């Protein structure tokens, strides 16, 4: 189901006992937006060099794990510690 509140409200009204399943696309989009917001907030406390590095490497977070090269996998593992 789409995560738009009017849809959720309509389903809850018409089918109060229905199990709601959220569309994967919307969950992934929200996670990406949250990561982007964190990245932007961290940027304020970084040097110009660190900001350039972050800008260049932010796409690692958006890649599928099996598409990462060895360096990108290492960085991601380090970040997620």
PDB file of N, CA and C in Angstrom:
ATOM      1  N   UNK A   1       0.839  -1.173   0.000  1.00  0.00           N
ATOM      2  CA  UNK A   1       0.000   0.000   0.000  1.00  0.00           C
ATOM      3  C   UNK A   1       0.886   1.238   0.000  1.00  0.00           C
ATOM      4  N   UNK A   2       0.418   2.248  -0.652  1.00  0.00           N
ATOM      5  CA  UNK A   2       1.059   3.553  -0.620  1.00  0.00           C
ATOM      6  C   UNK A   2       0.989   4.082   0.809  1.00  0.00           C
ATOM      7  N   UNK A   3       1.984   4.830   1.238  1.00  0.00           N
ATOM      8  CA  UNK A   3       2.026   5.306   2.622  1.00  0.00           C
ATOM      9  C   UNK A   3       1.319   6.649   2.822  1.00  0.00           C
ATOM     10  N   UNK A   4       0.652   7.140   1.816  1.00  0.00           N
ATOM     11  CA  UNK A   4      -0.053   8.412   1.924  1.00  0.00           C
ATOM     12  C   UNK A   4      -1.159   8.276   2.967  1.00  0.00           C
ATOM     13  N   UNK A   5      -1.213   9.187   3.931  1.00  0.00           N
ATOM     14  CA  UNK A   5      -2.132   9.095   5.068  1.00  0.00           C
ATOM     15  C   UNK A   5      -3.597   8.906   4.661  1.00  0.00           C
ATOM     16  N   UNK A   6      -4.127   9.639   3.670  1.00  0.00           N
ATOM     17  CA  UNK A   6      -5.530   9.402   3.282  1.00  0.00           C
ATOM     18  C   UNK A   6      -5.802   7.956   2.840  1.00  0.00           C
ATOM     19  N   UNK A   7      -4.838   7.311   2.159  1.00  0.00           N
ATOM     20  CA  UNK A   7      -5.020   5.903   1.782  1.00  0.00           C
ATOM     21  C   UNK A   7      -5.105   5.033   3.031  1.00  0.00           C
ATOM     22  N   UNK A   8      -4.169   5.266   3.942  1.00  0.00           N
ATOM     23  CA  UNK A   8      -4.136   4.475   5.181  1.00  0.00           C
ATOM     24  C   UNK A   8      -5.429   4.657   5.967  1.00  0.00           C
ATOM     25  N   UNK A   9      -5.875   5.898   6.084  1.00  0.00           N
ATOM     26  CA  UNK A   9      -7.116   6.177   6.809  1.00  0.00           C
ATOM     27  C   UNK A   9      -8.313   5.497   6.147  1.00  0.00           C
ATOM     28  N   UNK A  10      -8.357   5.534   4.816  1.00  0.00           N
ATOM     29  CA  UNK A  10      -9.470   4.911   4.090  1.00  0.00           C
ATOM     30  C   UNK A  10      -9.483   3.402   4.314  1.00  0.00           C
ATOM     31  N   UNK A  11      -8.320   2.777   4.229  1.00  0.00           N
ATOM     32  CA  UNK A  11      -8.238   1.328   4.440  1.00  0.00           C
ATOM     33  C   UNK A  11      -8.639   0.983   5.871  1.00  0.00           C
ATOM     34  N   UNK A  12      -8.158   1.750   6.840  1.00  0.00           N
ATOM     35  CA  UNK A  12      -8.507   1.482   8.240  1.00  0.00           C
ATOM     36  C   UNK A  12      -9.997   1.660   8.497  1.00  0.00           C
ATOM     37  N   UNK A  13     -10.626   2.591   7.801  1.00  0.00           N
ATOM     38  CA  UNK A  13     -12.062   2.821   7.964  1.00  0.00           C
ATOM     39  C   UNK A  13     -12.877   1.702   7.331  1.00  0.00           C
ATOM     40  N   UNK A  14     -12.520   1.347   6.108  1.00  0.00           N
ATOM     41  CA  UNK A  14     -13.307   0.358   5.360  1.00  0.00           C
ATOM     42  C   UNK A  14     -12.962  -1.073   5.768  1.00  0.00           C
ATOM     43  N   UNK A  15     -11.700  -1.327   6.025  1.00  0.00           N
ATOM     44  CA  UNK A  15     -11.232  -2.677   6.374  1.00  0.00           C
ATOM     45  C   UNK A  15     -10.418  -2.616   7.671  1.00  0.00           C
ATOM     46  N   UNK A  16     -11.069  -2.412   8.805  1.00  0.00           N
ATOM     47  CA  UNK A  16     -10.351  -2.173  10.059  1.00  0.00           C
ATOM     48  C   UNK A  16      -9.452  -3.327  10.517  1.00  0.00           C
ATOM     49  N   UNK A  17      -9.726  -4.530  10.083  1.00  0.00           N
ATOM     50  CA  UNK A  17      -8.925  -5.678  10.521  1.00  0.00           C
ATOM     51  C   UNK A  17      -7.943  -6.155   9.450  1.00  0.00           C
ATOM     52  N   UNK A  18      -7.862  -5.404   8.367  1.00  0.00           N
ATOM     53  CA  UNK A  18      -6.960  -5.794   7.274  1.00  0.00           C
ATOM     54  C   UNK A  18      -5.506  -5.608   7.692  1.00  0.00           C
ATOM     55  N   UNK A  19      -4.683  -6.517   7.241  1.00  0.00           N
ATOM     56  CA  UNK A  19      -3.248  -6.403   7.479  1.00  0.00           C
ATOM     57  C   UNK A  19      -2.689  -5.478   6.398  1.00  0.00           C
ATOM     58  N   UNK A  20      -2.060  -4.396   6.813  1.00  0.00           N
ATOM     59  CA  UNK A  20      -1.535  -3.413   5.864  1.00  0.00           C
ATOM     60  C   UNK A  20      -0.082  -3.749   5.549  1.00  0.00           C
ATOM     61  N   UNK A  21       0.227  -3.824   4.264  1.00  0.00           N
ATOM     62  CA  UNK A  21       1.586  -4.073   3.804  1.00  0.00           C
ATOM     63  C   UNK A  21       2.023  -2.841   3.018  1.00  0.00           C
ATOM     64  N   UNK A  22       3.140  -2.276   3.425  1.00  0.00           N
ATOM     65  CA  UNK A  22       3.632  -1.051   2.802  1.00  0.00           C
ATOM     66  C   UNK A  22       4.473  -1.397   1.581  1.00  0.00           C
ATOM     67  N   UNK A  23       4.321  -0.609   0.542  1.00  0.00           N
ATOM     68  CA  UNK A  23       5.083  -0.763  -0.688  1.00  0.00           C
ATOM     69  C   UNK A  23       6.577  -0.573  -0.398  1.00  0.00           C
ATOM     70  N   UNK A  24       7.391  -1.522  -0.806  1.00  0.00           N
ATOM     71  CA  UNK A  24       8.836  -1.488  -0.561  1.00  0.00           C
ATOM     72  C   UNK A  24       9.470  -0.203  -1.099  1.00  0.00           C
ATOM     73  N   UNK A  25       9.006   0.266  -2.230  1.00  0.00           N
ATOM     74  CA  UNK A  25       9.543   1.489  -2.828  1.00  0.00           C
ATOM     75  C   UNK A  25       9.490   2.646  -1.842  1.00  0.00           C
ATOM     76  N   UNK A  26       8.366   2.785  -1.142  1.00  0.00           N
ATOM     77  CA  UNK A  26       8.197   3.901  -0.218  1.00  0.00           C
ATOM     78  C   UNK A  26       9.106   3.774   1.008  1.00  0.00           C
ATOM     79  N   UNK A  27       9.300   2.571   1.477  1.00  0.00           N
ATOM     80  CA  UNK A  27      10.189   2.351   2.623  1.00  0.00           C
ATOM     81  C   UNK A  27      11.627   2.701   2.238  1.00  0.00           C
ATOM     82  N   UNK A  28      12.061   2.241   1.078  1.00  0.00           N
ATOM     83  CA  UNK A  28      13.420   2.526   0.612  1.00  0.00           C
ATOM     84  C   UNK A  28      13.596   4.024   0.393  1.00  0.00           C
ATOM     85  N   UNK A  29      12.601   4.670  -0.186  1.00  0.00           N
ATOM     86  CA  UNK A  29      12.675   6.113  -0.421  1.00  0.00           C
ATOM     87  C   UNK A  29      12.807   6.872   0.904  1.00  0.00           C
ATOM     88  N   UNK A  30      12.030   6.478   1.902  1.00  0.00           N
ATOM     89  CA  UNK A  30      12.107   7.145   3.206  1.00  0.00           C
ATOM     90  C   UNK A  30      13.473   6.925   3.867  1.00  0.00           C
ATOM     91  N   UNK A  31      14.010   5.730   3.739  1.00  0.00           N
ATOM     92  CA  UNK A  31      15.336   5.445   4.308  1.00  0.00           C
ATOM     93  C   UNK A  31      16.404   6.286   3.612  1.00  0.00           C
ATOM     94  N   UNK A  32      16.319   6.386   2.292  1.00  0.00           N
ATOM     95  CA  UNK A  32      17.280   7.201   1.548  1.00  0.00           C
ATOM     96  C   UNK A  32      17.178   8.669   1.934  1.00  0.00           C
ATOM     97  N   UNK A  33      15.964   9.161   2.118  1.00  0.00           N
ATOM     98  CA  UNK A  33      15.777  10.553   2.535  1.00  0.00           C
ATOM     99  C   UNK A  33      16.355  10.783   3.931  1.00  0.00           C
ATOM    100  N   UNK A  34      16.158   9.828   4.826  1.00  0.00           N
ATOM    101  CA  UNK A  34      16.696   9.954   6.185  1.00  0.00           C
ATOM    102  C   UNK A  34      18.225   9.976   6.162  1.00  0.00           C
ATOM    103  N   UNK A  35      18.827   9.094   5.370  1.00  0.00           N
ATOM    104  CA  UNK A  35      20.285   9.081   5.252  1.00  0.00           C
ATOM    105  C   UNK A  35      20.798  10.392   4.673  1.00  0.00           C
ATOM    106  N   UNK A  36      20.099  10.909   3.688  1.00  0.00           N
ATOM    107  CA  UNK A  36      20.495  12.172   3.076  1.00  0.00           C
ATOM    108  C   UNK A  36      20.401  13.317   4.087  1.00  0.00           C
ATOM    109  N   UNK A  37      19.374  13.299   4.917  1.00  0.00           N
ATOM    110  CA  UNK A  37      19.234  14.334   5.952  1.00  0.00           C
ATOM    111  C   UNK A  37      20.370  14.266   6.970  1.00  0.00           C
ATOM    112  N   UNK A  38      20.752  13.057   7.360  1.00  0.00           N
ATOM    113  CA  UNK A  38      21.871  12.891   8.302  1.00  0.00           C
ATOM    114  C   UNK A  38      23.161  13.388   7.655  1.00  0.00           C
ATOM    115  N   UNK A  39      23.369  13.011   6.410  1.00  0.00           N
ATOM    116  CA  UNK A  39      24.567  13.448   5.689  1.00  0.00           C
ATOM    117  C   UNK A  39      24.633  14.971   5.637  1.00  0.00           C
ATOM    118  N   UNK A  40      23.514  15.606   5.337  1.00  0.00           N
ATOM    119  CA  UNK A  40      23.477  17.071   5.254  1.00  0.00           C
ATOM    120  C   UNK A  40      23.742  17.720   6.607  1.00  0.00           C
ATOM    121  N   UNK A  41      23.232  17.132   7.679  1.00  0.00           N
ATOM    122  CA  UNK A  41      23.460  17.721   9.004  1.00  0.00           C
ATOM    123  C   UNK A  41      24.915  17.556   9.441  1.00  0.00           C
ATOM    124  N   UNK A  42      25.541  16.453   9.070  1.00  0.00           N
ATOM    125  CA  UNK A  42      26.951  16.242   9.402  1.00  0.00           C
ATOM    126  C   UNK A  42      27.859  17.192   8.627  1.00  0.00           C
ATOM    127  N   UNK A  43      27.418  17.535   7.431  1.00  0.00           N
ATOM    128  CA  UNK A  43      28.203  18.387   6.545  1.00  0.00           C
ATOM    129  C   UNK A  43      28.560  19.728   7.194  1.00  0.00           C
ATOM    130  N   UNK A  44      27.703  20.237   8.040  1.00  0.00           N
ATOM    131  CA  UNK A  44      27.917  21.544   8.668  1.00  0.00           C
ATOM    132  C   UNK A  44      29.153  21.565   9.563  1.00  0.00           C
ATOM    133  N   UNK A  45      29.572  20.415  10.043  1.00  0.00           N
ATOM    134  CA  UNK A  45      30.702  20.330  10.974  1.00  0.00           C
ATOM    135  C   UNK A  45      31.969  19.790  10.311  1.00  0.00           C
ATOM    136  N   UNK A  46      31.999  19.783   8.991  1.00  0.00           N
ATOM    137  CA  UNK A  46      33.130  19.194   8.277  1.00  0.00           C
ATOM    138  C   UNK A  46      33.938  20.257   7.541  1.00  0.00           C
ATOM    139  N   UNK A  47      35.184  19.902   7.284  1.00  0.00           N
ATOM    140  CA  UNK A  47      36.037  20.767   6.466  1.00  0.00           C
ATOM    141  C   UNK A  47      35.606  20.637   5.002  1.00  0.00           C
ATOM    142  N   UNK A  48      36.111  21.536   4.170  1.00  0.00           N
ATOM    143  CA  UNK A  48      35.793  21.498   2.735  1.00  0.00           C
ATOM    144  C   UNK A  48      36.227  20.163   2.128  1.00  0.00           C
ATOM    145  N   UNK A  49      37.393  19.670   2.520  1.00  0.00           N
ATOM    146  CA  UNK A  49      37.905  18.396   1.996  1.00  0.00           C
ATOM    147  C   UNK A  49      36.989  17.242   2.409  1.00  0.00           C
ATOM    148  N   UNK A  50      36.580  17.232   3.671  1.00  0.00           N
ATOM    149  CA  UNK A  50      35.685  16.169   4.153  1.00  0.00           C
ATOM    150  C   UNK A  50      34.337  16.227   3.434  1.00  0.00           C
ATOM    151  N   UNK A  51      33.841  17.437   3.188  1.00  0.00           N
ATOM    152  CA  UNK A  51      32.561  17.577   2.475  1.00  0.00           C
ATOM    153  C   UNK A  51      32.660  17.045   1.051  1.00  0.00           C
ATOM    154  N   UNK A  52      33.774  17.322   0.378  1.00  0.00           N
ATOM    155  CA  UNK A  52      33.956  16.810  -0.989  1.00  0.00           C
ATOM    156  C   UNK A  52      34.001  15.281  -0.994  1.00  0.00           C
ATOM    157  N   UNK A  53      34.700  14.717  -0.011  1.00  0.00           N
ATOM    158  CA  UNK A  53      34.782  13.254   0.092  1.00  0.00           C
ATOM    159  C   UNK A  53      33.401  12.663   0.339  1.00  0.00           C
ATOM    160  N   UNK A  54      32.662  13.257   1.248  1.00  0.00           N
ATOM    161  CA  UNK A  54      31.312  12.774   1.550  1.00  0.00           C
ATOM    162  C   UNK A  54      30.417  12.855   0.317  1.00  0.00           C
ATOM    163  N   UNK A  55      30.507  13.959  -0.411  1.00  0.00           N
ATOM    164  CA  UNK A  55      29.695  14.145  -1.615  1.00  0.00           C
ATOM    165  C   UNK A  55      30.011  13.059  -2.642  1.00  0.00           C
ATOM    166  N   UNK A  56      31.300  12.769  -2.806  1.00  0.00           N
ATOM    167  CA  UNK A  56      31.735  11.779  -3.791  1.00  0.00           C
ATOM    168  C   UNK A  56      31.319  10.365  -3.387  1.00  0.00           C
ATOM    169  N   UNK A  57      31.338  10.093  -2.078  1.00  0.00           N
ATOM    170  CA  UNK A  57      31.120   8.722  -1.619  1.00  0.00           C
ATOM    171  C   UNK A  57      29.697   8.437  -1.156  1.00  0.00           C
ATOM    172  N   UNK A  58      28.816   9.412  -1.204  1.00  0.00           N
ATOM    173  CA  UNK A  58      27.451   9.198  -0.714  1.00  0.00           C
ATOM    174  C   UNK A  58      26.699   8.152  -1.527  1.00  0.00           C
ATOM    175  N   UNK A  59      27.081   7.947  -2.775  1.00  0.00           N
ATOM    176  CA  UNK A  59      26.378   6.988  -3.618  1.00  0.00           C
ATOM    177  C   UNK A  59      26.638   5.545  -3.199  1.00  0.00           C
ATOM    178  N   UNK A  60      27.680   5.333  -2.400  1.00  0.00           N
ATOM    179  CA  UNK A  60      27.943   3.992  -1.873  1.00  0.00           C
ATOM    180  C   UNK A  60      26.740   3.520  -1.054  1.00  0.00           C
ATOM    181  N   UNK A  61      26.128   4.431  -0.326  1.00  0.00           N
ATOM    182  CA  UNK A  61      24.964   4.081   0.496  1.00  0.00           C
ATOM    183  C   UNK A  61      23.760   3.669  -0.347  1.00  0.00           C
ATOM    184  N   UNK A  62      23.731   4.118  -1.589  1.00  0.00           N
ATOM    185  CA  UNK A  62      22.582   3.837  -2.446  1.00  0.00           C
ATOM    186  C   UNK A  62      22.768   2.592  -3.312  1.00  0.00           C
ATOM    187  N   UNK A  63      23.986   2.061  -3.353  1.00  0.00           N
ATOM    188  CA  UNK A  63      24.261   0.899  -4.196  1.00  0.00           C
ATOM    189  C   UNK A  63      23.796  -0.393  -3.540  1.00  0.00           C
ATOM    190  N   UNK A  64      23.503  -1.366  -4.374  1.00  0.00           N
ATOM    191  CA  UNK A  64      23.226  -2.708  -3.862  1.00  0.00           C
ATOM    192  C   UNK A  64      24.542  -3.335  -3.410  1.00  0.00           C
ATOM    193  N   UNK A  65      24.469  -4.113  -2.358  1.00  0.00           N
ATOM    194  CA  UNK A  65      25.683  -4.700  -1.767  1.00  0.00           C
ATOM    195  C   UNK A  65      26.495  -5.475  -2.810  1.00  0.00           C
ATOM    196  N   UNK A  66      25.838  -6.235  -3.668  1.00  0.00           N
ATOM    197  CA  UNK A  66      26.581  -7.046  -4.640  1.00  0.00           C
ATOM    198  C   UNK A  66      27.201  -6.204  -5.764  1.00  0.00           C
ATOM    199  N   UNK A  67      26.833  -4.915  -5.853  1.00  0.00           N
ATOM    200  CA  UNK A  67      27.421  -4.030  -6.860  1.00  0.00           C
ATOM    201  C   UNK A  67      28.609  -3.225  -6.328  1.00  0.00           C
ATOM    202  N   UNK A  68      28.900  -3.357  -5.040  1.00  0.00           N
ATOM    203  CA  UNK A  68      30.011  -2.614  -4.447  1.00  0.00           C
ATOM    204  C   UNK A  68      31.344  -3.270  -4.792  1.00  0.00           C
ATOM    205  N   UNK A  69      32.346  -2.443  -5.078  1.00  0.00           N
ATOM    206  CA  UNK A  69      33.684  -3.004  -5.255  1.00  0.00           C
ATOM    207  C   UNK A  69      34.315  -3.193  -3.872  1.00  0.00           C
ATOM    208  N   UNK A  70      35.531  -3.703  -3.831  1.00  0.00           N
ATOM    209  CA  UNK A  70      36.164  -4.029  -2.547  1.00  0.00           C
ATOM    210  C   UNK A  70      36.330  -2.790  -1.660  1.00  0.00           C
ATOM    211  N   UNK A  71      36.770  -1.689  -2.243  1.00  0.00           N
ATOM    212  CA  UNK A  71      36.965  -0.447  -1.485  1.00  0.00           C
ATOM    213  C   UNK A  71      35.644   0.070  -0.934  1.00  0.00           C
ATOM    214  N   UNK A  72      34.606   0.046  -1.764  1.00  0.00           N
ATOM    215  CA  UNK A  72      33.291   0.524  -1.339  1.00  0.00           C
ATOM    216  C   UNK A  72      32.720  -0.355  -0.229  1.00  0.00           C
ATOM    217  N   UNK A  73      32.913  -1.661  -0.334  1.00  0.00           N
ATOM    218  CA  UNK A  73      32.455  -2.578   0.723  1.00  0.00           C
ATOM    219  C   UNK A  73      33.164  -2.278   2.038  1.00  0.00           C
ATOM    220  N   UNK A  74      34.470  -2.036   1.955  1.00  0.00           N
ATOM    221  CA  UNK A  74      35.240  -1.700   3.155  1.00  0.00           C
ATOM    222  C   UNK A  74      34.717  -0.411   3.788  1.00  0.00           C
ATOM    223  N   UNK A  75      34.505   0.625   2.972  1.00  0.00           N
ATOM    224  CA  UNK A  75      33.994   1.897   3.491  1.00  0.00           C
ATOM    225  C   UNK A  75      32.628   1.721   4.143  1.00  0.00           C
ATOM    226  N   UNK A  76      31.744   1.004   3.476  1.00  0.00           N
ATOM    227  CA  UNK A  76      30.402   0.801   4.014  1.00  0.00           C
ATOM    228  C   UNK A  76      30.454   0.044   5.338  1.00  0.00           C
ATOM    229  N   UNK A  77      31.259  -1.001   5.395  1.00  0.00           N
ATOM    230  CA  UNK A  77      31.405  -1.761   6.645  1.00  0.00           C
ATOM    231  C   UNK A  77      31.969  -0.881   7.758  1.00  0.00           C
ATOM    232  N   UNK A  78      32.906  -0.009   7.408  1.00  0.00           N
ATOM    233  CA  UNK A  78      33.492   0.908   8.392  1.00  0.00           C
ATOM    234  C   UNK A  78      32.446   1.892   8.894  1.00  0.00           C
ATOM    235  N   UNK A  79      31.677   2.457   7.981  1.00  0.00           N
ATOM    236  CA  UNK A  79      30.653   3.436   8.354  1.00  0.00           C
ATOM    237  C   UNK A  79      29.590   2.821   9.254  1.00  0.00           C
ATOM    238  N   UNK A  80      29.173   1.612   8.905  1.00  0.00           N
ATOM    239  CA  UNK A  80      28.071   0.980   9.630  1.00  0.00           C
ATOM    240  C   UNK A  80      28.555   0.211  10.852  1.00  0.00           C
ATOM    241  N   UNK A  81      29.883   0.064  10.954  1.00  0.00           N
ATOM    242  CA  UNK A  81      30.582  -0.520  12.081  1.00  0.00           C
ATOM    243  C   UNK A  81      29.873  -1.545  12.832  1.00  0.00           C
TER     244      UNK A  81
END
